[in-house]
Amino acid sequence: IIVGARNKEFTIELLKKYNMDHVIL
């Protein structure tokens, strides 16, 4: 699984809270 994220509002904080590896696109 690869998760890409748009840095919008608190998206990145949620991904970190749930320990989800991600790449900020």
mmCIF file of all heavy atoms, coordinates in Angstrom:
data_MODEL
# 
_entry.id   MODEL 
# 
loop_
_atom_site.group_PDB 
_atom_site.id 
_atom_site.type_symbol 
_atom_site.label_atom_id 
_atom_site.label_alt_id 
_atom_site.label_comp_id 
_atom_site.label_asym_id 
_atom_site.label_entity_id 
_atom_site.label_seq_id 
_atom_site.pdbx_PDB_ins_code 
_atom_site.Cartn_x 
_atom_site.Cartn_y 
_atom_site.Cartn_z 
_atom_site.occupancy 
_atom_site.B_iso_or_equiv 
_atom_site.pdbx_formal_charge 
_atom_site.auth_seq_id 
_atom_site.auth_comp_id 
_atom_site.auth_asym_id 
_atom_site.auth_atom_id 
_atom_site.pdbx_PDB_model_num 
ATOM 1   N N   . ILE A 1 1  ? 0.841   -1.193 0.000  1.00 0.00 ? 1  ILE A N   1 
ATOM 2   C CA  . ILE A 1 1  ? 0.000   0.000  0.000  1.00 0.00 ? 1  ILE A CA  1 
ATOM 3   C C   . ILE A 1 1  ? 0.874   1.240  0.000  1.00 0.00 ? 1  ILE A C   1 
ATOM 4   O O   . ILE A 1 1  ? 1.792   1.364  0.813  1.00 0.00 ? 1  ILE A O   1 
ATOM 5   C CB  . ILE A 1 1  ? -0.919  0.028  1.251  1.00 0.00 ? 1  ILE A CB  1 
ATOM 6   C CG1 . ILE A 1 1  ? -1.749  -1.241 1.336  1.00 0.00 ? 1  ILE A CG1 1 
ATOM 7   C CG2 . ILE A 1 1  ? -1.778  1.286  1.254  1.00 0.00 ? 1  ILE A CG2 1 
ATOM 8   C CD1 . ILE A 1 1  ? -2.706  -1.477 0.206  1.00 0.00 ? 1  ILE A CD1 1 
ATOM 9   N N   . ILE A 1 2  ? 0.566   2.153  -0.898 1.00 0.00 ? 2  ILE A N   1 
ATOM 10  C CA  . ILE A 1 2  ? 1.217   3.456  -0.923 1.00 0.00 ? 2  ILE A CA  1 
ATOM 11  C C   . ILE A 1 2  ? 0.118   4.489  -0.763 1.00 0.00 ? 2  ILE A C   1 
ATOM 12  O O   . ILE A 1 2  ? -0.890  4.448  -1.470 1.00 0.00 ? 2  ILE A O   1 
ATOM 13  C CB  . ILE A 1 2  ? 1.992   3.703  -2.241 1.00 0.00 ? 2  ILE A CB  1 
ATOM 14  C CG1 . ILE A 1 2  ? 3.152   2.706  -2.370 1.00 0.00 ? 2  ILE A CG1 1 
ATOM 15  C CG2 . ILE A 1 2  ? 2.557   5.115  -2.287 1.00 0.00 ? 2  ILE A CG2 1 
ATOM 16  C CD1 . ILE A 1 2  ? 2.861   1.600  -3.292 1.00 0.00 ? 2  ILE A CD1 1 
ATOM 17  N N   . VAL A 1 3  ? 0.315   5.402  0.182  1.00 0.00 ? 3  VAL A N   1 
ATOM 18  C CA  . VAL A 1 3  ? -0.654  6.458  0.435  1.00 0.00 ? 3  VAL A CA  1 
ATOM 19  C C   . VAL A 1 3  ? -0.018  7.784  0.058  1.00 0.00 ? 3  VAL A C   1 
ATOM 20  O O   . VAL A 1 3  ? 1.050   8.139  0.557  1.00 0.00 ? 3  VAL A O   1 
ATOM 21  C CB  . VAL A 1 3  ? -1.090  6.478  1.919  1.00 0.00 ? 3  VAL A CB  1 
ATOM 22  C CG1 . VAL A 1 3  ? -2.017  7.657  2.197  1.00 0.00 ? 3  VAL A CG1 1 
ATOM 23  C CG2 . VAL A 1 3  ? -1.753  5.165  2.294  1.00 0.00 ? 3  VAL A CG2 1 
ATOM 24  N N   . GLY A 1 4  ? -0.680  8.497  -0.825 1.00 0.00 ? 4  GLY A N   1 
ATOM 25  C CA  . GLY A 1 4  ? -0.277  9.846  -1.190 1.00 0.00 ? 4  GLY A CA  1 
ATOM 26  C C   . GLY A 1 4  ? -1.289  10.809 -0.613 1.00 0.00 ? 4  GLY A C   1 
ATOM 27  O O   . GLY A 1 4  ? -2.482  10.517 -0.583 1.00 0.00 ? 4  GLY A O   1 
ATOM 28  N N   . ALA A 1 5  ? -0.829  11.964 -0.135 1.00 0.00 ? 5  ALA A N   1 
ATOM 29  C CA  . ALA A 1 5  ? -1.741  12.884 0.521  1.00 0.00 ? 5  ALA A CA  1 
ATOM 30  C C   . ALA A 1 5  ? -1.549  14.315 0.050  1.00 0.00 ? 5  ALA A C   1 
ATOM 31  O O   . ALA A 1 5  ? -0.424  14.755 -0.190 1.00 0.00 ? 5  ALA A O   1 
ATOM 32  C CB  . ALA A 1 5  ? -1.567  12.815 2.026  1.00 0.00 ? 5  ALA A CB  1 
ATOM 33  N N   . ARG A 1 6  ? -2.659  14.982 -0.040 1.00 0.00 ? 6  ARG A N   1 
ATOM 34  C CA  . ARG A 1 6  ? -2.677  16.419 -0.291 1.00 0.00 ? 6  ARG A CA  1 
ATOM 35  C C   . ARG A 1 6  ? -2.629  17.089 1.078  1.00 0.00 ? 6  ARG A C   1 
ATOM 36  O O   . ARG A 1 6  ? -3.429  16.781 1.956  1.00 0.00 ? 6  ARG A O   1 
ATOM 37  C CB  . ARG A 1 6  ? -3.966  16.777 -1.014 1.00 0.00 ? 6  ARG A CB  1 
ATOM 38  C CG  . ARG A 1 6  ? -4.113  18.208 -1.373 1.00 0.00 ? 6  ARG A CG  1 
ATOM 39  C CD  . ARG A 1 6  ? -5.455  18.407 -2.067 1.00 0.00 ? 6  ARG A CD  1 
ATOM 40  N NE  . ARG A 1 6  ? -5.541  19.740 -2.648 1.00 0.00 ? 6  ARG A NE  1 
ATOM 41  C CZ  . ARG A 1 6  ? -6.676  20.422 -2.722 1.00 0.00 ? 6  ARG A CZ  1 
ATOM 42  N NH1 . ARG A 1 6  ? -7.805  19.886 -2.293 1.00 0.00 ? 6  ARG A NH1 1 
ATOM 43  N NH2 . ARG A 1 6  ? -6.683  21.621 -3.256 1.00 0.00 ? 6  ARG A NH2 1 
ATOM 44  N N   . ASN A 1 7  ? -1.687  17.989 1.276  1.00 0.00 ? 7  ASN A N   1 
ATOM 45  C CA  . ASN A 1 7  ? -1.540  18.669 2.556  1.00 0.00 ? 7  ASN A CA  1 
ATOM 46  C C   . ASN A 1 7  ? -2.629  19.728 2.672  1.00 0.00 ? 7  ASN A C   1 
ATOM 47  O O   . ASN A 1 7  ? -2.442  20.876 2.313  1.00 0.00 ? 7  ASN A O   1 
ATOM 48  C CB  . ASN A 1 7  ? -0.154  19.288 2.681  1.00 0.00 ? 7  ASN A CB  1 
ATOM 49  C CG  . ASN A 1 7  ? 0.126   19.772 4.084  1.00 0.00 ? 7  ASN A CG  1 
ATOM 50  O OD1 . ASN A 1 7  ? -0.662  19.571 4.998  1.00 0.00 ? 7  ASN A OD1 1 
ATOM 51  N ND2 . ASN A 1 7  ? 1.269   20.417 4.254  1.00 0.00 ? 7  ASN A ND2 1 
ATOM 52  N N   . LYS A 1 8  ? -3.790  19.292 3.150  1.00 0.00 ? 8  LYS A N   1 
ATOM 53  C CA  . LYS A 1 8  ? -4.951  20.172 3.273  1.00 0.00 ? 8  LYS A CA  1 
ATOM 54  C C   . LYS A 1 8  ? -5.494  20.033 4.683  1.00 0.00 ? 8  LYS A C   1 
ATOM 55  O O   . LYS A 1 8  ? -5.711  18.924 5.165  1.00 0.00 ? 8  LYS A O   1 
ATOM 56  C CB  . LYS A 1 8  ? -6.020  19.771 2.260  1.00 0.00 ? 8  LYS A CB  1 
ATOM 57  C CG  . LYS A 1 8  ? -7.276  20.578 2.350  1.00 0.00 ? 8  LYS A CG  1 
ATOM 58  C CD  . LYS A 1 8  ? -8.321  20.115 1.366  1.00 0.00 ? 8  LYS A CD  1 
ATOM 59  C CE  . LYS A 1 8  ? -9.537  21.011 1.539  1.00 0.00 ? 8  LYS A CE  1 
ATOM 60  N NZ  . LYS A 1 8  ? -10.639 20.619 0.711  1.00 0.00 ? 8  LYS A NZ  1 
ATOM 61  N N   . GLU A 1 9  ? -5.721  21.168 5.325  1.00 0.00 ? 9  GLU A N   1 
ATOM 62  C CA  . GLU A 1 9  ? -6.249  21.205 6.682  1.00 0.00 ? 9  GLU A CA  1 
ATOM 63  C C   . GLU A 1 9  ? -5.437  20.288 7.584  1.00 0.00 ? 9  GLU A C   1 
ATOM 64  O O   . GLU A 1 9  ? -4.247  20.474 7.701  1.00 0.00 ? 9  GLU A O   1 
ATOM 65  C CB  . GLU A 1 9  ? -7.745  20.896 6.675  1.00 0.00 ? 9  GLU A CB  1 
ATOM 66  C CG  . GLU A 1 9  ? -8.535  21.926 5.888  1.00 0.00 ? 9  GLU A CG  1 
ATOM 67  C CD  . GLU A 1 9  ? -9.897  21.462 5.422  1.00 0.00 ? 9  GLU A CD  1 
ATOM 68  O OE1 . GLU A 1 9  ? -10.252 20.292 5.605  1.00 0.00 ? 9  GLU A OE1 1 
ATOM 69  O OE2 . GLU A 1 9  ? -10.614 22.305 4.847  1.00 0.00 ? 9  GLU A OE2 1 
ATOM 70  N N   . PHE A 1 10 ? -6.024  19.265 8.188  1.00 0.00 ? 10 PHE A N   1 
ATOM 71  C CA  . PHE A 1 10 ? -5.308  18.407 9.132  1.00 0.00 ? 10 PHE A CA  1 
ATOM 72  C C   . PHE A 1 10 ? -5.156  16.977 8.619  1.00 0.00 ? 10 PHE A C   1 
ATOM 73  O O   . PHE A 1 10 ? -5.057  16.031 9.402  1.00 0.00 ? 10 PHE A O   1 
ATOM 74  C CB  . PHE A 1 10 ? -5.985  18.426 10.512 1.00 0.00 ? 10 PHE A CB  1 
ATOM 75  C CG  . PHE A 1 10 ? -7.467  18.228 10.463 1.00 0.00 ? 10 PHE A CG  1 
ATOM 76  C CD1 . PHE A 1 10 ? -8.016  16.967 10.528 1.00 0.00 ? 10 PHE A CD1 1 
ATOM 77  C CD2 . PHE A 1 10 ? -8.315  19.321 10.331 1.00 0.00 ? 10 PHE A CD2 1 
ATOM 78  C CE1 . PHE A 1 10 ? -9.384  16.780 10.470 1.00 0.00 ? 10 PHE A CE1 1 
ATOM 79  C CE2 . PHE A 1 10 ? -9.689  19.148 10.267 1.00 0.00 ? 10 PHE A CE2 1 
ATOM 80  C CZ  . PHE A 1 10 ? -10.232 17.875 10.341 1.00 0.00 ? 10 PHE A CZ  1 
ATOM 81  N N   . THR A 1 11 ? -5.102  16.813 7.304  1.00 0.00 ? 11 THR A N   1 
ATOM 82  C CA  . THR A 1 11 ? -4.947  15.488 6.701  1.00 0.00 ? 11 THR A CA  1 
ATOM 83  C C   . THR A 1 11 ? -3.688  14.784 7.191  1.00 0.00 ? 11 THR A C   1 
ATOM 84  O O   . THR A 1 11 ? -3.727  13.614 7.599  1.00 0.00 ? 11 THR A O   1 
ATOM 85  C CB  . THR A 1 11 ? -4.917  15.593 5.168  1.00 0.00 ? 11 THR A CB  1 
ATOM 86  O OG1 . THR A 1 11 ? -6.113  16.239 4.729  1.00 0.00 ? 11 THR A OG1 1 
ATOM 87  C CG2 . THR A 1 11 ? -4.786  14.242 4.523  1.00 0.00 ? 11 THR A CG2 1 
ATOM 88  N N   . ILE A 1 12 ? -2.574  15.461 7.156  1.00 0.00 ? 12 ILE A N   1 
ATOM 89  C CA  . ILE A 1 12 ? -1.292  14.857 7.526  1.00 0.00 ? 12 ILE A CA  1 
ATOM 90  C C   . ILE A 1 12 ? -1.289  14.466 9.001  1.00 0.00 ? 12 ILE A C   1 
ATOM 91  O O   . ILE A 1 12 ? -0.793  13.388 9.360  1.00 0.00 ? 12 ILE A O   1 
ATOM 92  C CB  . ILE A 1 12 ? -0.120  15.815 7.198  1.00 0.00 ? 12 ILE A CB  1 
ATOM 93  C CG1 . ILE A 1 12 ? -0.149  16.242 5.724  1.00 0.00 ? 12 ILE A CG1 1 
ATOM 94  C CG2 . ILE A 1 12 ? 1.217   15.181 7.566  1.00 0.00 ? 12 ILE A CG2 1 
ATOM 95  C CD1 . ILE A 1 12 ? -0.233  15.110 4.721  1.00 0.00 ? 12 ILE A CD1 1 
ATOM 96  N N   . GLU A 1 13 ? -1.869  15.299 9.857  1.00 0.00 ? 13 GLU A N   1 
ATOM 97  C CA  . GLU A 1 13 ? -1.946  14.980 11.275 1.00 0.00 ? 13 GLU A CA  1 
ATOM 98  C C   . GLU A 1 13 ? -2.753  13.701 11.507 1.00 0.00 ? 13 GLU A C   1 
ATOM 99  O O   . GLU A 1 13 ? -2.398  12.870 12.351 1.00 0.00 ? 13 GLU A O   1 
ATOM 100 C CB  . GLU A 1 13 ? -2.551  16.145 12.064 1.00 0.00 ? 13 GLU A CB  1 
ATOM 101 C CG  . GLU A 1 13 ? -1.630  17.345 12.189 1.00 0.00 ? 13 GLU A CG  1 
ATOM 102 C CD  . GLU A 1 13 ? -1.609  18.234 10.943 1.00 0.00 ? 13 GLU A CD  1 
ATOM 103 O OE1 . GLU A 1 13 ? -2.397  18.005 9.995  1.00 0.00 ? 13 GLU A OE1 1 
ATOM 104 O OE2 . GLU A 1 13 ? -0.774  19.150 10.911 1.00 0.00 ? 13 GLU A OE2 1 
ATOM 105 N N   . LEU A 1 14 ? -3.852  13.529 10.772 1.00 0.00 ? 14 LEU A N   1 
ATOM 106 C CA  . LEU A 1 14 ? -4.651  12.312 10.897 1.00 0.00 ? 14 LEU A CA  1 
ATOM 107 C C   . LEU A 1 14 ? -3.873  11.079 10.447 1.00 0.00 ? 14 LEU A C   1 
ATOM 108 O O   . LEU A 1 14 ? -3.923  10.031 11.096 1.00 0.00 ? 14 LEU A O   1 
ATOM 109 C CB  . LEU A 1 14 ? -5.942  12.427 10.086 1.00 0.00 ? 14 LEU A CB  1 
ATOM 110 C CG  . LEU A 1 14 ? -7.063  13.245 10.699 1.00 0.00 ? 14 LEU A CG  1 
ATOM 111 C CD1 . LEU A 1 14 ? -8.208  13.396 9.698  1.00 0.00 ? 14 LEU A CD1 1 
ATOM 112 C CD2 . LEU A 1 14 ? -7.554  12.602 11.985 1.00 0.00 ? 14 LEU A CD2 1 
ATOM 113 N N   . LEU A 1 15 ? -3.173  11.200 9.333  1.00 0.00 ? 15 LEU A N   1 
ATOM 114 C CA  . LEU A 1 15 ? -2.373  10.071 8.845  1.00 0.00 ? 15 LEU A CA  1 
ATOM 115 C C   . LEU A 1 15 ? -1.327  9.675  9.886  1.00 0.00 ? 15 LEU A C   1 
ATOM 116 O O   . LEU A 1 15 ? -1.109  8.487  10.141 1.00 0.00 ? 15 LEU A O   1 
ATOM 117 C CB  . LEU A 1 15 ? -1.715  10.419 7.512  1.00 0.00 ? 15 LEU A CB  1 
ATOM 118 C CG  . LEU A 1 15 ? -2.665  10.541 6.328  1.00 0.00 ? 15 LEU A CG  1 
ATOM 119 C CD1 . LEU A 1 15 ? -1.966  11.200 5.143  1.00 0.00 ? 15 LEU A CD1 1 
ATOM 120 C CD2 . LEU A 1 15 ? -3.222  9.184  5.937  1.00 0.00 ? 15 LEU A CD2 1 
ATOM 121 N N   . LYS A 1 16 ? -0.702  10.662 10.500 1.00 0.00 ? 16 LYS A N   1 
ATOM 122 C CA  . LYS A 1 16 ? 0.284   10.379 11.549 1.00 0.00 ? 16 LYS A CA  1 
ATOM 123 C C   . LYS A 1 16 ? -0.380  9.753  12.772 1.00 0.00 ? 16 LYS A C   1 
ATOM 124 O O   . LYS A 1 16 ? 0.160   8.817  13.363 1.00 0.00 ? 16 LYS A O   1 
ATOM 125 C CB  . LYS A 1 16 ? 1.022   11.659 11.942 1.00 0.00 ? 16 LYS A CB  1 
ATOM 126 C CG  . LYS A 1 16 ? 1.976   12.155 10.878 1.00 0.00 ? 16 LYS A CG  1 
ATOM 127 C CD  . LYS A 1 16 ? 2.645   13.456 11.293 1.00 0.00 ? 16 LYS A CD  1 
ATOM 128 C CE  . LYS A 1 16 ? 3.561   13.964 10.208 1.00 0.00 ? 16 LYS A CE  1 
ATOM 129 N NZ  . LYS A 1 16 ? 4.173   15.260 10.568 1.00 0.00 ? 16 LYS A NZ  1 
ATOM 130 N N   . LYS A 1 17 ? -1.554  10.263 13.148 1.00 0.00 ? 17 LYS A N   1 
ATOM 131 C CA  . LYS A 1 17 ? -2.273  9.733  14.315 1.00 0.00 ? 17 LYS A CA  1 
ATOM 132 C C   . LYS A 1 17 ? -2.565  8.240  14.146 1.00 0.00 ? 17 LYS A C   1 
ATOM 133 O O   . LYS A 1 17 ? -2.463  7.470  15.104 1.00 0.00 ? 17 LYS A O   1 
ATOM 134 C CB  . LYS A 1 17 ? -3.584  10.487 14.512 1.00 0.00 ? 17 LYS A CB  1 
ATOM 135 C CG  . LYS A 1 17 ? -4.430  9.941  15.636 1.00 0.00 ? 17 LYS A CG  1 
ATOM 136 C CD  . LYS A 1 17 ? -5.756  10.653 15.750 1.00 0.00 ? 17 LYS A CD  1 
ATOM 137 C CE  . LYS A 1 17 ? -6.568  9.979  16.855 1.00 0.00 ? 17 LYS A CE  1 
ATOM 138 N NZ  . LYS A 1 17 ? -7.876  10.558 17.014 1.00 0.00 ? 17 LYS A NZ  1 
ATOM 139 N N   . TYR A 1 18 ? -2.912  7.828  12.926 1.00 0.00 ? 18 TYR A N   1 
ATOM 140 C CA  . TYR A 1 18 ? -3.234  6.429  12.665 1.00 0.00 ? 18 TYR A CA  1 
ATOM 141 C C   . TYR A 1 18 ? -2.015  5.634  12.184 1.00 0.00 ? 18 TYR A C   1 
ATOM 142 O O   . TYR A 1 18 ? -2.149  4.521  11.700 1.00 0.00 ? 18 TYR A O   1 
ATOM 143 C CB  . TYR A 1 18 ? -4.383  6.329  11.660 1.00 0.00 ? 18 TYR A CB  1 
ATOM 144 C CG  . TYR A 1 18 ? -5.677  6.869  12.200 1.00 0.00 ? 18 TYR A CG  1 
ATOM 145 C CD1 . TYR A 1 18 ? -6.290  7.961  11.628 1.00 0.00 ? 18 TYR A CD1 1 
ATOM 146 C CD2 . TYR A 1 18 ? -6.272  6.290  13.322 1.00 0.00 ? 18 TYR A CD2 1 
ATOM 147 C CE1 . TYR A 1 18 ? -7.482  8.463  12.128 1.00 0.00 ? 18 TYR A CE1 1 
ATOM 148 C CE2 . TYR A 1 18 ? -7.459  6.789  13.835 1.00 0.00 ? 18 TYR A CE2 1 
ATOM 149 C CZ  . TYR A 1 18 ? -8.059  7.876  13.241 1.00 0.00 ? 18 TYR A CZ  1 
ATOM 150 O OH  . TYR A 1 18 ? -9.240  8.379  13.745 1.00 0.00 ? 18 TYR A OH  1 
ATOM 151 N N   . ASN A 1 19 ? -0.821  6.213  12.327 1.00 0.00 ? 19 ASN A N   1 
ATOM 152 C CA  . ASN A 1 19 ? 0.441   5.554  11.955 1.00 0.00 ? 19 ASN A CA  1 
ATOM 153 C C   . ASN A 1 19 ? 0.421   5.042  10.516 1.00 0.00 ? 19 ASN A C   1 
ATOM 154 O O   . ASN A 1 19 ? 0.863   3.922  10.244 1.00 0.00 ? 19 ASN A O   1 
ATOM 155 C CB  . ASN A 1 19 ? 0.761   4.414  12.926 1.00 0.00 ? 19 ASN A CB  1 
ATOM 156 C CG  . ASN A 1 19 ? 1.012   4.920  14.320 1.00 0.00 ? 19 ASN A CG  1 
ATOM 157 O OD1 . ASN A 1 19 ? 1.724   5.893  14.520 1.00 0.00 ? 19 ASN A OD1 1 
ATOM 158 N ND2 . ASN A 1 19 ? 0.403   4.274  15.299 1.00 0.00 ? 19 ASN A ND2 1 
ATOM 159 N N   . MET A 1 20 ? -0.089  5.850  9.616  1.00 0.00 ? 20 MET A N   1 
ATOM 160 C CA  . MET A 1 20 ? -0.161  5.473  8.209  1.00 0.00 ? 20 MET A CA  1 
ATOM 161 C C   . MET A 1 20 ? 1.008   6.123  7.459  1.00 0.00 ? 20 MET A C   1 
ATOM 162 O O   . MET A 1 20 ? 1.112   7.355  7.401  1.00 0.00 ? 20 MET A O   1 
ATOM 163 C CB  . MET A 1 20 ? -1.491  5.919  7.606  1.00 0.00 ? 20 MET A CB  1 
ATOM 164 C CG  . MET A 1 20 ? -2.681  5.233  8.253  1.00 0.00 ? 20 MET A CG  1 
ATOM 165 S SD  . MET A 1 20 ? -4.276  5.913  7.741  1.00 0.00 ? 20 MET A SD  1 
ATOM 166 C CE  . MET A 1 20 ? -4.287  5.454  6.023  1.00 0.00 ? 20 MET A CE  1 
ATOM 167 N N   . ASP A 1 21 ? 1.896   5.275  6.937  1.00 0.00 ? 21 ASP A N   1 
ATOM 168 C CA  . ASP A 1 21 ? 2.978   5.804  6.117  1.00 0.00 ? 21 ASP A CA  1 
ATOM 169 C C   . ASP A 1 21 ? 2.363   6.511  4.922  1.00 0.00 ? 21 ASP A C   1 
ATOM 170 O O   . ASP A 1 21 ? 1.392   6.030  4.330  1.00 0.00 ? 21 ASP A O   1 
ATOM 171 C CB  . ASP A 1 21 ? 3.886   4.679  5.637  1.00 0.00 ? 21 ASP A CB  1 
ATOM 172 C CG  . ASP A 1 21 ? 4.696   4.078  6.779  1.00 0.00 ? 21 ASP A CG  1 
ATOM 173 O OD1 . ASP A 1 21 ? 4.965   4.792  7.763  1.00 0.00 ? 21 ASP A OD1 1 
ATOM 174 O OD2 . ASP A 1 21 ? 5.047   2.885  6.679  1.00 0.00 ? 21 ASP A OD2 1 
ATOM 175 N N   . HIS A 1 22 ? 2.938   7.642  4.543  1.00 0.00 ? 22 HIS A N   1 
ATOM 176 C CA  . HIS A 1 22 ? 2.371   8.420  3.452  1.00 0.00 ? 22 HIS A CA  1 
ATOM 177 C C   . HIS A 1 22 ? 3.449   9.295  2.809  1.00 0.00 ? 22 HIS A C   1 
ATOM 178 O O   . HIS A 1 22 ? 4.509   9.512  3.385  1.00 0.00 ? 22 HIS A O   1 
ATOM 179 C CB  . HIS A 1 22 ? 1.227   9.307  3.952  1.00 0.00 ? 22 HIS A CB  1 
ATOM 180 C CG  . HIS A 1 22 ? 1.662   10.274 5.009  1.00 0.00 ? 22 HIS A CG  1 
ATOM 181 N ND1 . HIS A 1 22 ? 1.790   9.905  6.336  1.00 0.00 ? 22 HIS A ND1 1 
ATOM 182 C CD2 . HIS A 1 22 ? 2.025   11.569 4.937  1.00 0.00 ? 22 HIS A CD2 1 
ATOM 183 C CE1 . HIS A 1 22 ? 2.204   10.950 7.029  1.00 0.00 ? 22 HIS A CE1 1 
ATOM 184 N NE2 . HIS A 1 22 ? 2.368   11.969 6.204  1.00 0.00 ? 22 HIS A NE2 1 
ATOM 185 N N   . VAL A 1 23 ? 3.118   9.745  1.634  1.00 0.00 ? 23 VAL A N   1 
ATOM 186 C CA  . VAL A 1 23 ? 3.956   10.690 0.892  1.00 0.00 ? 23 VAL A CA  1 
ATOM 187 C C   . VAL A 1 23 ? 3.115   11.933 0.663  1.00 0.00 ? 23 VAL A C   1 
ATOM 188 O O   . VAL A 1 23 ? 1.970   11.835 0.200  1.00 0.00 ? 23 VAL A O   1 
ATOM 189 C CB  . VAL A 1 23 ? 4.365   10.098 -0.475 1.00 0.00 ? 23 VAL A CB  1 
ATOM 190 C CG1 . VAL A 1 23 ? 5.126   11.108 -1.299 1.00 0.00 ? 23 VAL A CG1 1 
ATOM 191 C CG2 . VAL A 1 23 ? 5.153   8.828  -0.293 1.00 0.00 ? 23 VAL A CG2 1 
ATOM 192 N N   . ILE A 1 24 ? 3.654   13.085 1.010  1.00 0.00 ? 24 ILE A N   1 
ATOM 193 C CA  . ILE A 1 24 ? 2.926   14.323 0.731  1.00 0.00 ? 24 ILE A CA  1 
ATOM 194 C C   . ILE A 1 24 ? 3.134   14.651 -0.743 1.00 0.00 ? 24 ILE A C   1 
ATOM 195 O O   . ILE A 1 24 ? 4.262   14.830 -1.195 1.00 0.00 ? 24 ILE A O   1 
ATOM 196 C CB  . ILE A 1 24 ? 3.409   15.473 1.627  1.00 0.00 ? 24 ILE A CB  1 
ATOM 197 C CG1 . ILE A 1 24 ? 3.126   15.139 3.093  1.00 0.00 ? 24 ILE A CG1 1 
ATOM 198 C CG2 . ILE A 1 24 ? 2.726   16.785 1.219  1.00 0.00 ? 24 ILE A CG2 1 
ATOM 199 C CD1 . ILE A 1 24 ? 3.658   16.144 4.082  1.00 0.00 ? 24 ILE A CD1 1 
ATOM 200 N N   . LEU A 1 25 ? 2.025   14.698 -1.463 1.00 0.00 ? 25 LEU A N   1 
ATOM 201 C CA  . LEU A 1 25 ? 2.094   14.979 -2.895 1.00 0.00 ? 25 LEU A CA  1 
ATOM 202 C C   . LEU A 1 25 ? 2.145   16.481 -3.166 1.00 0.00 ? 25 LEU A C   1 
ATOM 203 O O   . LEU A 1 25 ? 2.958   16.936 -3.966 1.00 0.00 ? 25 LEU A O   1 
ATOM 204 C CB  . LEU A 1 25 ? 0.896   14.360 -3.614 1.00 0.00 ? 25 LEU A CB  1 
ATOM 205 C CG  . LEU A 1 25 ? 0.789   12.842 -3.532 1.00 0.00 ? 25 LEU A CG  1 
ATOM 206 C CD1 . LEU A 1 25 ? -0.531  12.376 -4.123 1.00 0.00 ? 25 LEU A CD1 1 
ATOM 207 C CD2 . LEU A 1 25 ? 1.960   12.193 -4.244 1.00 0.00 ? 25 LEU A CD2 1 
# 
